[in-house]
Amino acid sequence: MQGPVLERLSEAELLAVFGHELAHYLLWQQQQRCYLAAERILAHASDSGQGRDSHRESYRRYRLHTELFADRGAAIAAGGTAPAITTLVKMHTGMTSVDAQAYLRQAEEIEARETAASAEASHPETFVRARALALWWAGDEQLDAWLDARLKGPLTLNRLDLPEQVHLQALTRQFIAWYLQGSGLGSDSVLAQVRLLFSDWANDETPLEPQALLDAAVDKSVLGYFNALMVDLALADPDQQDAALLRAGAVAERLGCLPALLANLRRDANFNKRDLDRFKRELAKEARP
């Protein structure tokens, strides 16, 4: 109750404040206090000098979802979303008078213009929280998908949290299996390179087709990562390098990232303009029926 909270908030809004804070406590009591343990572990990992970007991103997203959970407690305590939304806006903007319905309409307009994921360090933008609360209260079946898009966005290489690292590792394994499947490119040298990534690599790995990779909502940085991976595998065995690079080019075309692969070849395989032109001609020839 620090500052002008008592003067600024109505009785219903004060109920929303108490509901929000008690919801934090309620969450910490769930599942044998595993959420409290997770919060403490992530906070320590994020703030320690040895914390990595994935730790900090995991903690950021954890706090974002925690605030959304607590907002629901605010609505339950106040008996509706309006006091919870007006309280949220007042507490974060300093405004003294807020129209909840007008703010929700504004949130919908912003939603229509801005589709990127939230980048807030501790709280999602207030319009995201207000919209999320309204969708939850209305029982919208698309809420979970909407939250994934708004709070996480597509899989991005430099913004991976810990679960996404595990997800990308699985995608990598499946992608390599598809790249090698039926290609005749799994020589001893190439498999030795693969086992530097996955020491338990087996002959019956589950493949993942490129279209499934696109359907997995990944951005250009992840496609660039797979390009670099294919070039590394192609360069692992000089005896089959040409065939392997053509395979990589065909895959990159399917993924829509061939220009990025050509940049990889310039940088990592020392291809000059003549080499690139020859590569593109050979690739076009392979693509002909």
Protein backbone atom coordinates (compact mmCIF):
# COMPACT_ATOMS: atom_id res chain seq x y z
CA MET A 1 0.00 0.00 0.00
CA GLN A 2 2.91 2.34 -0.63
CA GLY A 3 2.32 5.67 -2.36
CA PRO A 4 -1.14 7.02 -3.28
CA VAL A 5 -2.64 3.55 -3.77
CA LEU A 6 -5.48 3.94 -1.28
CA GLU A 7 -6.49 7.31 -2.73
CA ARG A 8 -6.22 6.19 -6.35
CA LEU A 9 -8.02 2.82 -6.22
CA SER A 10 -11.67 2.03 -5.60
CA GLU A 11 -12.82 -0.70 -3.23
CA ALA A 12 -13.21 -3.17 -6.11
CA GLU A 13 -9.75 -2.25 -7.39
CA LEU A 14 -8.24 -2.81 -3.94
CA LEU A 15 -9.83 -6.26 -3.95
CA ALA A 16 -8.15 -6.84 -7.31
CA VAL A 17 -4.77 -5.85 -5.81
CA PHE A 18 -5.19 -8.27 -2.92
CA GLY A 19 -6.41 -11.01 -5.26
CA HIS A 20 -3.38 -10.49 -7.49
CA GLU A 21 -0.89 -10.72 -4.64
CA LEU A 22 -2.63 -13.68 -2.99
CA ALA A 23 -2.59 -15.47 -6.35
CA HIS A 24 1.20 -15.29 -6.28
CA TYR A 25 1.13 -17.02 -2.90
CA LEU A 26 -1.44 -19.55 -4.13
CA LEU A 27 0.76 -20.45 -7.09
CA TRP A 28 3.73 -21.02 -4.79
CA GLN A 29 1.69 -23.56 -2.78
CA GLN A 30 0.75 -25.66 -5.81
CA GLN A 31 2.38 -28.96 -6.80
CA GLN A 32 4.29 -29.31 -3.52
CA ARG A 33 5.71 -25.79 -4.00
CA CYS A 34 7.50 -26.72 -7.22
CA TYR A 35 6.64 -23.31 -8.74
CA LEU A 36 8.27 -21.55 -5.81
CA ALA A 37 11.34 -23.78 -6.18
CA ALA A 38 11.45 -23.06 -9.91
CA GLU A 39 11.19 -19.32 -9.29
CA ARG A 40 14.08 -19.39 -6.80
CA ILE A 41 16.29 -21.58 -9.01
CA LEU A 42 15.68 -19.47 -12.11
CA ALA A 43 16.22 -16.24 -10.20
CA HIS A 44 19.53 -17.49 -8.83
CA ALA A 45 20.68 -18.85 -12.20
CA SER A 46 19.71 -15.62 -13.93
CA ASP A 47 21.35 -13.28 -11.43
CA SER A 48 24.53 -15.25 -10.81
CA GLY A 49 27.68 -14.29 -12.64
CA GLN A 50 27.67 -17.70 -14.32
CA GLY A 51 24.11 -17.42 -15.67
CA ARG A 52 23.63 -17.80 -19.40
CA ASP A 53 21.25 -16.08 -21.79
CA SER A 54 18.99 -19.14 -21.73
CA HIS A 55 18.70 -18.88 -17.94
CA ARG A 56 17.77 -15.22 -18.12
CA GLU A 57 15.27 -15.79 -20.92
CA SER A 58 13.71 -18.69 -19.01
CA TYR A 59 13.32 -16.53 -15.91
CA ARG A 60 11.91 -13.63 -17.93
CA ARG A 61 9.21 -15.82 -19.47
CA TYR A 62 8.50 -17.54 -16.17
CA ARG A 63 7.79 -14.18 -14.54
CA LEU A 64 5.63 -13.08 -17.46
CA HIS A 65 3.42 -16.15 -17.13
CA THR A 66 3.34 -15.76 -13.35
CA GLU A 67 1.95 -12.23 -13.70
CA LEU A 68 -0.77 -13.48 -16.04
CA PHE A 69 -1.73 -16.12 -13.46
CA ALA A 70 -1.88 -13.46 -10.75
CA ASP A 71 -4.03 -11.21 -12.95
CA ARG A 72 -6.61 -13.99 -12.99
CA GLY A 73 -6.61 -13.94 -9.20
CA ALA A 74 -7.30 -10.21 -9.38
CA ALA A 75 -10.36 -10.76 -11.58
CA ILE A 76 -11.69 -13.57 -9.37
CA ALA A 77 -11.31 -11.48 -6.20
CA ALA A 78 -12.98 -8.45 -7.78
CA GLY A 79 -15.72 -10.47 -9.45
CA GLY A 80 -14.91 -9.36 -12.98
CA THR A 81 -12.20 -8.22 -15.36
CA ALA A 82 -12.97 -4.49 -15.30
CA PRO A 83 -11.53 -3.76 -11.80
CA ALA A 84 -8.51 -5.98 -12.55
CA ILE A 85 -7.81 -4.14 -15.80
CA THR A 86 -8.30 -0.63 -14.42
CA THR A 87 -6.06 -1.52 -11.46
CA LEU A 88 -3.39 -2.87 -13.81
CA VAL A 89 -3.42 0.28 -15.92
CA LYS A 90 -3.48 2.64 -12.94
CA MET A 91 -0.60 0.86 -11.19
CA HIS A 92 1.60 0.83 -14.29
CA THR A 93 0.81 4.20 -15.83
CA GLY A 94 -0.10 6.44 -12.91
CA MET A 95 -3.46 7.30 -14.48
CA THR A 96 -6.24 8.15 -12.04
CA SER A 97 -9.20 7.33 -14.27
CA VAL A 98 -9.41 4.36 -16.64
CA ASP A 99 -12.25 2.98 -18.76
CA ALA A 100 -11.71 -0.80 -18.90
CA GLN A 101 -13.79 -1.38 -22.05
CA ALA A 102 -12.14 1.50 -23.88
CA TYR A 103 -8.73 0.18 -22.87
CA LEU A 104 -9.62 -3.30 -24.14
CA ARG A 105 -10.70 -1.83 -27.48
CA GLN A 106 -7.38 -0.01 -27.65
CA ALA A 107 -5.60 -3.28 -26.79
CA GLU A 108 -7.37 -5.02 -29.66
CA GLU A 109 -6.29 -2.27 -32.05
CA ILE A 110 -2.69 -2.56 -30.91
CA GLU A 111 -2.95 -6.34 -31.21
CA ALA A 112 -3.99 -5.96 -34.83
CA ARG A 113 -0.89 -3.83 -35.58
CA GLU A 114 1.78 -5.49 -33.45
CA THR A 115 2.34 -9.23 -33.73
CA ALA A 116 5.81 -9.57 -32.22
CA ALA A 117 6.35 -11.32 -28.90
CA SER A 118 6.62 -9.33 -25.72
CA ALA A 119 10.15 -8.19 -24.87
CA GLU A 120 9.43 -6.80 -21.41
CA ALA A 121 11.98 -7.76 -18.76
CA SER A 122 9.55 -8.38 -15.89
CA HIS A 123 5.99 -7.77 -17.11
CA PRO A 124 4.30 -8.12 -20.47
CA GLU A 125 3.01 -4.84 -21.84
CA THR A 126 -0.16 -3.83 -20.06
CA PHE A 127 -2.27 -4.24 -23.19
CA VAL A 128 -1.11 -7.86 -23.51
CA ARG A 129 -2.03 -8.57 -19.90
CA ALA A 130 -5.41 -6.89 -20.27
CA ARG A 131 -6.19 -8.78 -23.47
CA ALA A 132 -5.00 -12.08 -22.02
CA LEU A 133 -7.21 -11.62 -18.98
CA ALA A 134 -10.27 -10.77 -21.09
CA LEU A 135 -9.72 -13.83 -23.31
CA TRP A 136 -9.31 -16.11 -20.28
CA TRP A 137 -12.43 -14.74 -18.57
CA ALA A 138 -14.40 -15.32 -21.79
CA GLY A 139 -13.13 -18.91 -22.03
CA ASP A 140 -11.48 -18.39 -25.42
CA GLU A 141 -10.27 -21.77 -26.74
CA GLN A 142 -7.41 -20.11 -28.64
CA LEU A 143 -5.92 -18.53 -25.52
CA ASP A 144 -2.94 -20.89 -25.16
CA ALA A 145 -1.93 -20.46 -28.81
CA TRP A 146 -2.39 -16.69 -28.49
CA LEU A 147 -0.19 -16.57 -25.39
CA ASP A 148 2.55 -18.60 -27.12
CA ALA A 149 2.56 -16.14 -30.02
CA ARG A 150 2.47 -13.03 -27.83
CA LEU A 151 4.89 -14.07 -25.07
CA LYS A 152 7.33 -16.28 -26.98
CA GLY A 153 6.90 -15.88 -30.73
CA PRO A 154 8.71 -18.15 -33.21
CA LEU A 155 11.74 -20.19 -32.24
CA THR A 156 14.66 -17.73 -32.39
CA LEU A 157 18.29 -18.73 -32.00
CA ASN A 158 19.40 -15.87 -29.75
CA ARG A 159 16.29 -15.95 -27.52
CA LEU A 160 16.07 -19.61 -26.55
CA ASP A 161 14.89 -20.48 -23.08
CA LEU A 162 15.73 -23.84 -21.52
CA PRO A 163 12.68 -25.77 -22.86
CA GLU A 164 13.32 -24.34 -26.33
CA GLN A 165 16.92 -25.52 -26.18
CA VAL A 166 15.63 -29.05 -25.66
CA HIS A 167 13.12 -28.56 -28.48
CA LEU A 168 15.76 -27.28 -30.90
CA GLN A 169 18.05 -30.16 -29.98
CA ALA A 170 15.28 -32.60 -30.93
CA LEU A 171 14.62 -30.74 -34.18
CA THR A 172 18.34 -30.83 -34.99
CA ARG A 173 18.49 -34.55 -34.49
CA GLN A 174 15.43 -35.17 -36.65
CA PHE A 175 16.64 -32.77 -39.34
CA ILE A 176 20.02 -34.52 -39.63
CA ALA A 177 18.22 -37.87 -39.90
CA TRP A 178 16.15 -36.55 -42.79
CA TYR A 179 19.17 -34.91 -44.48
CA LEU A 180 21.02 -38.25 -44.46
CA GLN A 181 18.03 -40.49 -45.18
CA GLY A 182 18.35 -42.25 -48.56
CA SER A 183 21.08 -39.83 -49.66
CA GLY A 184 24.07 -42.16 -49.44
CA LEU A 185 25.91 -39.37 -47.63
CA GLY A 186 26.28 -41.09 -44.27
CA SER A 187 29.96 -41.91 -44.64
CA ASP A 188 32.18 -42.66 -41.65
CA SER A 189 33.54 -39.13 -41.71
CA VAL A 190 30.08 -37.58 -41.74
CA LEU A 191 28.77 -39.86 -38.99
CA ALA A 192 31.82 -39.02 -36.90
CA GLN A 193 30.86 -35.35 -37.28
CA VAL A 194 27.27 -36.13 -36.31
CA ARG A 195 28.39 -38.00 -33.20
CA LEU A 196 30.26 -34.90 -32.04
CA LEU A 197 26.76 -33.45 -31.63
CA PHE A 198 24.93 -36.62 -30.54
CA SER A 199 27.18 -39.27 -29.06
CA ASP A 200 24.28 -41.75 -28.93
CA TRP A 201 23.38 -41.35 -32.61
CA ALA A 202 21.61 -44.46 -33.97
CA ASN A 203 20.78 -45.76 -37.43
CA ASP A 204 17.01 -45.57 -36.84
CA GLU A 205 16.66 -41.89 -35.92
CA THR A 206 13.25 -40.34 -36.66
CA PRO A 207 13.49 -37.96 -39.65
CA LEU A 208 11.81 -34.54 -39.86
CA GLU A 209 10.83 -33.25 -43.29
CA PRO A 210 11.64 -29.57 -44.10
CA GLN A 211 7.94 -28.66 -44.34
CA ALA A 212 7.43 -29.90 -40.80
CA LEU A 213 10.31 -27.67 -39.77
CA LEU A 214 8.56 -24.67 -41.30
CA ASP A 215 5.33 -25.69 -39.59
CA ALA A 216 7.20 -25.70 -36.26
CA ALA A 217 7.26 -21.85 -36.28
CA VAL A 218 10.98 -21.13 -36.58
CA ASP A 219 12.49 -17.87 -37.77
CA LYS A 220 15.33 -17.08 -40.17
CA SER A 221 18.00 -17.44 -37.50
CA VAL A 222 17.08 -21.10 -36.95
CA LEU A 223 16.99 -21.75 -40.70
CA GLY A 224 20.44 -20.19 -40.89
CA TYR A 225 21.58 -22.54 -38.16
CA PHE A 226 20.39 -25.54 -40.18
CA ASN A 227 22.15 -24.14 -43.26
CA ALA A 228 25.41 -23.96 -41.34
CA LEU A 229 24.85 -27.47 -40.04
CA MET A 230 24.41 -28.85 -43.57
CA VAL A 231 27.56 -27.10 -44.78
CA ASP A 232 29.52 -28.55 -41.86
CA LEU A 233 28.32 -32.05 -42.73
CA ALA A 234 29.08 -31.52 -46.42
CA LEU A 235 32.65 -30.39 -45.68
CA ALA A 236 33.27 -33.32 -43.33
CA ASP A 237 34.00 -35.69 -46.23
CA PRO A 238 35.87 -34.25 -49.26
CA ASP A 239 35.11 -37.38 -51.30
CA GLN A 240 31.39 -36.59 -51.38
CA GLN A 241 31.47 -32.82 -50.87
CA ASP A 242 29.89 -31.88 -54.21
CA ALA A 243 26.96 -34.27 -53.80
CA ALA A 244 26.46 -33.22 -50.19
CA LEU A 245 26.41 -29.52 -51.05
CA LEU A 246 23.86 -30.12 -53.79
CA ARG A 247 21.73 -31.96 -51.25
CA ALA A 248 22.10 -28.98 -48.91
CA GLY A 249 21.13 -26.60 -51.71
CA ALA A 250 17.99 -28.57 -52.54
CA VAL A 251 16.96 -28.58 -48.88
CA ALA A 252 17.67 -24.84 -48.54
CA GLU A 253 15.47 -24.18 -51.57
CA ARG A 254 12.62 -26.06 -49.92
CA LEU A 255 13.12 -24.05 -46.74
CA GLY A 256 13.25 -20.76 -48.67
CA CYS A 257 16.73 -19.89 -47.43
CA LEU A 258 19.00 -20.61 -50.40
CA PRO A 259 20.51 -17.06 -50.44
CA ALA A 260 21.63 -17.58 -46.85
CA LEU A 261 23.19 -20.93 -47.80
CA LEU A 262 25.14 -19.22 -50.59
CA ALA A 263 26.47 -16.78 -48.00
CA ASN A 264 27.53 -19.77 -45.90
CA LEU A 265 29.40 -21.22 -48.87
CA ARG A 266 31.26 -17.96 -49.44
CA ARG A 267 32.26 -17.74 -45.79
CA ASP A 268 32.81 -21.36 -44.77
CA ALA A 269 33.70 -23.14 -48.02
CA ASN A 270 35.63 -20.25 -49.63
CA PHE A 271 33.39 -20.26 -52.70
CA ASN A 272 34.10 -17.37 -55.08
CA LYS A 273 31.65 -15.99 -57.63
CA ARG A 274 32.62 -18.59 -60.24
CA ASP A 275 32.14 -21.41 -57.70
CA LEU A 276 28.75 -20.05 -56.68
CA ASP A 277 27.59 -19.68 -60.28
CA ARG A 278 28.63 -23.25 -61.01
CA PHE A 279 26.89 -24.45 -57.87
CA LYS A 280 23.65 -22.71 -58.85
CA ARG A 281 23.79 -24.20 -62.36
CA GLU A 282 24.30 -27.69 -60.95
CA LEU A 283 21.49 -27.14 -58.48
CA ALA A 284 19.14 -26.04 -61.27
CA LYS A 285 20.12 -29.08 -63.30
CA GLU A 286 19.37 -31.40 -60.36
CA ALA A 287 15.96 -29.79 -59.93
CA ARG A 288 14.88 -30.51 -63.52
CA PRO A 289 12.45 -33.45 -63.88
